[in-house]
Protein backbone atom coordinates (compact mmCIF):
# COMPACT_ATOMS: atom_id res chain seq x y z
CA UNK A 1 67.41 86.54 101.61
CA UNK A 2 70.21 84.75 104.27
CA UNK A 3 70.87 87.82 105.95
CA UNK A 4 67.40 88.44 106.64
CA UNK A 5 66.78 85.43 107.46
CA UNK A 6 69.27 85.40 110.00
CA UNK A 7 68.28 89.27 111.63
CA UNK A 8 65.23 87.14 112.84
CA UNK A 9 66.97 84.70 114.61
CA UNK A 10 68.65 85.41 118.30
CA UNK A 11 71.95 86.20 117.33
CA UNK A 12 70.24 88.76 114.84
CA UNK A 13 71.00 91.77 117.77
CA UNK A 14 74.30 90.67 117.90
CA UNK A 15 74.98 90.23 114.02
CA UNK A 16 73.62 93.96 113.35
CA UNK A 17 75.77 95.20 116.04
CA UNK A 18 79.28 93.21 114.79
CA UNK A 19 77.96 93.89 111.18
CA UNK A 20 80.05 97.48 111.17
CA UNK A 21 83.28 95.23 112.00
CA UNK A 22 83.08 93.02 109.12
CA UNK A 23 83.29 94.99 106.95
CA UNK A 24 85.82 97.05 108.69
CA UNK A 25 87.59 93.13 108.85
CA UNK A 26 87.62 92.63 105.34
CA UNK A 27 88.04 97.04 103.99
CA UNK A 28 91.52 96.04 106.69
CA UNK A 29 92.67 93.33 104.92
CA UNK A 30 92.56 95.06 100.88
CA UNK A 31 95.05 97.24 101.96
CA UNK A 32 97.11 98.03 98.52
CA UNK A 33 100.29 100.23 100.85
CA UNK A 34 101.32 97.75 101.95
CA UNK A 35 103.26 96.79 98.72
CA UNK A 36 103.17 100.24 96.89
CA UNK A 37 106.19 101.12 97.65
CA UNK A 38 108.35 98.31 97.11
CA UNK A 39 106.06 97.57 93.84
CA UNK A 40 108.27 100.12 92.40
CA UNK A 41 111.19 98.03 92.52
CA UNK A 42 114.53 98.89 91.24
CA UNK A 43 112.45 101.73 89.42
CA UNK A 44 111.82 103.32 93.20
CA UNK A 45 115.22 106.10 91.57
CA UNK A 46 112.35 107.31 89.10
CA UNK A 47 109.89 108.15 92.07
CA UNK A 48 113.28 109.88 93.95
CA UNK A 49 114.41 111.81 91.11
CA UNK A 50 110.81 113.53 90.54
CA UNK A 51 110.56 117.45 91.74
CA UNK A 52 107.83 116.87 93.85
CA UNK A 53 107.25 116.45 98.02
CA UNK A 54 107.46 112.47 99.01
CA UNK A 55 103.76 113.70 100.70
CA UNK A 56 102.47 114.25 97.04
CA UNK A 57 103.45 110.49 96.20
CA UNK A 58 102.41 109.37 99.48
CA UNK A 59 99.50 110.81 99.11
CA UNK A 60 98.64 109.35 96.08
CA UNK A 61 99.50 105.73 96.93
CA UNK A 62 96.83 105.84 99.88
CA UNK A 63 94.16 107.43 97.80
CA UNK A 64 94.76 104.71 95.17
CA UNK A 65 93.81 102.59 98.11
CA UNK A 66 90.89 104.56 99.19
CA UNK A 67 89.62 104.40 95.95
CA UNK A 68 89.38 101.20 96.26
CA UNK A 69 88.22 100.74 99.73
CA UNK A 70 86.05 103.38 100.71
CA UNK A 71 83.15 103.44 97.88
CA UNK A 72 83.41 99.61 98.43
CA UNK A 73 82.82 99.51 102.14
CA UNK A 74 80.01 102.47 101.51
CA UNK A 75 78.07 99.85 99.48
CA UNK A 76 78.89 96.89 101.54
CA UNK A 77 77.27 98.91 104.02
CA UNK A 78 74.42 100.25 102.23
CA UNK A 79 73.41 96.68 101.36
CA UNK A 80 73.37 95.72 104.43
CA UNK A 81 71.92 98.05 106.45
CA UNK A 82 69.35 97.63 103.83
CA UNK A 83 69.34 93.50 104.08
CA UNK A 84 69.37 93.90 108.16
CA UNK A 85 67.16 96.44 108.40
CA UNK A 86 70.01 98.78 110.53
CA UNK A 87 68.51 102.07 112.41
CA UNK A 88 69.71 104.47 115.46
CA UNK A 89 73.63 104.59 116.37
CA UNK A 90 73.76 100.63 114.20
CA UNK A 91 73.11 102.45 111.18
CA UNK A 92 76.06 105.78 111.58
CA UNK A 93 77.93 102.95 112.69
CA UNK A 94 77.73 100.49 110.12
CA UNK A 95 79.25 103.26 107.94
CA UNK A 96 81.39 105.51 110.01
CA UNK A 97 83.24 102.91 111.61
CA UNK A 98 84.72 100.59 107.95
CA UNK A 99 85.34 104.29 106.74
CA UNK A 100 87.37 105.00 109.97
CA UNK A 101 89.00 101.13 109.40
CA UNK A 102 89.80 102.34 106.00
CA UNK A 103 91.68 104.99 106.50
CA UNK A 104 93.61 103.17 109.32
CA UNK A 105 94.95 100.42 106.71
CA UNK A 106 95.70 102.60 104.11
CA UNK A 107 98.07 104.57 106.16
CA UNK A 108 99.54 101.71 108.35
CA UNK A 109 100.30 99.71 104.95
CA UNK A 110 102.18 102.37 104.21
CA UNK A 111 104.38 103.44 106.88
CA UNK A 112 105.22 99.60 106.97
CA UNK A 113 105.98 99.31 103.40
CA UNK A 114 108.50 102.51 104.53
CA UNK A 115 109.99 100.60 106.78
CA UNK A 116 109.63 97.21 105.39
CA UNK A 117 110.77 97.98 101.89
CA UNK A 118 111.22 94.73 99.42
CA UNK A 119 112.69 97.09 96.45
CA UNK A 120 114.58 93.72 95.23
CA UNK A 121 112.19 91.58 93.35
CA UNK A 122 111.86 89.05 90.22
CA UNK A 123 108.44 89.89 89.97
CA UNK A 124 105.53 91.37 91.50
CA UNK A 125 103.33 88.08 93.51
CA UNK A 126 106.45 88.15 95.57
CA UNK A 127 105.85 91.32 96.63
CA UNK A 128 101.89 91.72 96.85
CA UNK A 129 102.17 88.33 98.70
CA UNK A 130 105.02 86.82 100.38
CA UNK A 131 106.71 90.12 101.75
CA UNK A 132 107.39 91.06 105.27
CA UNK A 133 105.46 94.73 104.53
CA UNK A 134 102.22 93.29 103.22
CA UNK A 135 101.63 90.72 105.41
CA UNK A 136 102.25 93.46 108.59
CA UNK A 137 100.40 95.85 107.38
CA UNK A 138 97.37 93.06 106.40
CA UNK A 139 97.71 91.48 109.52
CA UNK A 140 97.94 94.83 111.47
CA UNK A 141 95.65 96.48 110.80
CA UNK A 142 92.98 93.27 110.73
CA UNK A 143 93.96 93.03 113.99
CA UNK A 144 92.44 95.92 115.68
CA UNK A 145 88.22 94.92 114.73
CA UNK A 146 89.17 91.45 115.70
CA UNK A 147 90.01 92.84 118.91
CA UNK A 148 87.27 95.01 119.06
CA UNK A 149 84.81 92.30 118.56
CA UNK A 150 85.85 89.91 121.05
CA UNK A 151 85.35 93.08 123.35
CA UNK A 152 81.88 93.75 122.11
CA UNK A 153 81.28 90.25 122.47
CA UNK A 154 82.24 90.22 126.32
CA UNK A 155 80.39 93.89 126.78
CA UNK A 156 76.51 92.63 126.12
CA UNK A 157 74.16 95.55 126.02
CA UNK A 158 77.21 97.73 126.53
CA UNK A 159 78.84 96.71 122.83
CA UNK A 160 77.15 99.78 120.76
CA UNK A 161 79.04 101.91 122.98
CA UNK A 162 82.02 100.17 123.25
CA UNK A 163 82.13 100.06 119.17
CA UNK A 164 81.94 104.02 119.32
CA UNK A 165 84.66 104.39 120.81
CA UNK A 166 87.27 102.17 119.80
CA UNK A 167 86.17 103.73 116.74
CA UNK A 168 88.55 106.23 117.84
CA UNK A 169 91.82 104.44 118.17
CA UNK A 170 92.26 104.06 114.13
CA UNK A 171 91.34 107.49 113.73
CA UNK A 172 93.76 107.82 116.38
CA UNK A 173 96.16 105.99 114.90
CA UNK A 174 96.18 107.32 111.27
CA UNK A 175 96.48 110.92 112.89
CA UNK A 176 99.40 109.94 114.44
CA UNK A 177 100.67 107.96 111.56
CA UNK A 178 100.11 111.12 109.02
CA UNK A 179 102.51 113.28 111.45
CA UNK A 180 104.79 111.19 111.77
CA UNK A 181 104.16 110.75 108.08
CA UNK A 182 104.84 114.35 107.27
CA UNK A 183 107.63 114.86 110.15
CA UNK A 184 110.07 111.51 108.60
CA UNK A 185 108.42 110.29 105.42
CA UNK A 186 110.77 112.14 103.29
CA UNK A 187 114.14 111.08 104.48
CA UNK A 188 111.95 107.65 104.98
CA UNK A 189 111.72 106.99 101.42
CA UNK A 190 114.90 109.10 100.29
CA UNK A 191 116.45 106.66 102.12
CA UNK A 192 115.02 103.84 99.94
């Protein structure tokens, strides 16, 4: 009801436009892959000794993250779309943008954790809340939607086109990270 009353105000149209970016920011800050390699700790040798290519280990870590973020973003998008009566291109973006950022944050988190692992720790909180990889992946993936919000506020009537166009950035970045991990991921993982 609060969201419905806000949508009737002068800022209602702007709020409808920014809705996908707000969901994207929340999804980006819910990245589990930023600490998933480091959580293996001293037992990383177990994963490294498995007769499985590293890409399958990476895929498993990515899918755990996506299992949490994709349903959450879809539920948020449905609820916000209904509450705010979002239609047309805004509706499409309300679903597409958070999914693009969910993929991006998962891929970025995995890459950053491979580059900045913290395998020596006393408890899991050190890895999840205090490691460089966790911080870089969380704030790095959340920075992009924040920048898009700033750009959107500056553009006014071209905001929807701007959001639609900038959604290609996390999609392209995810493809680049995936290609990088397919070529260099195995060696990064073995070097841990």
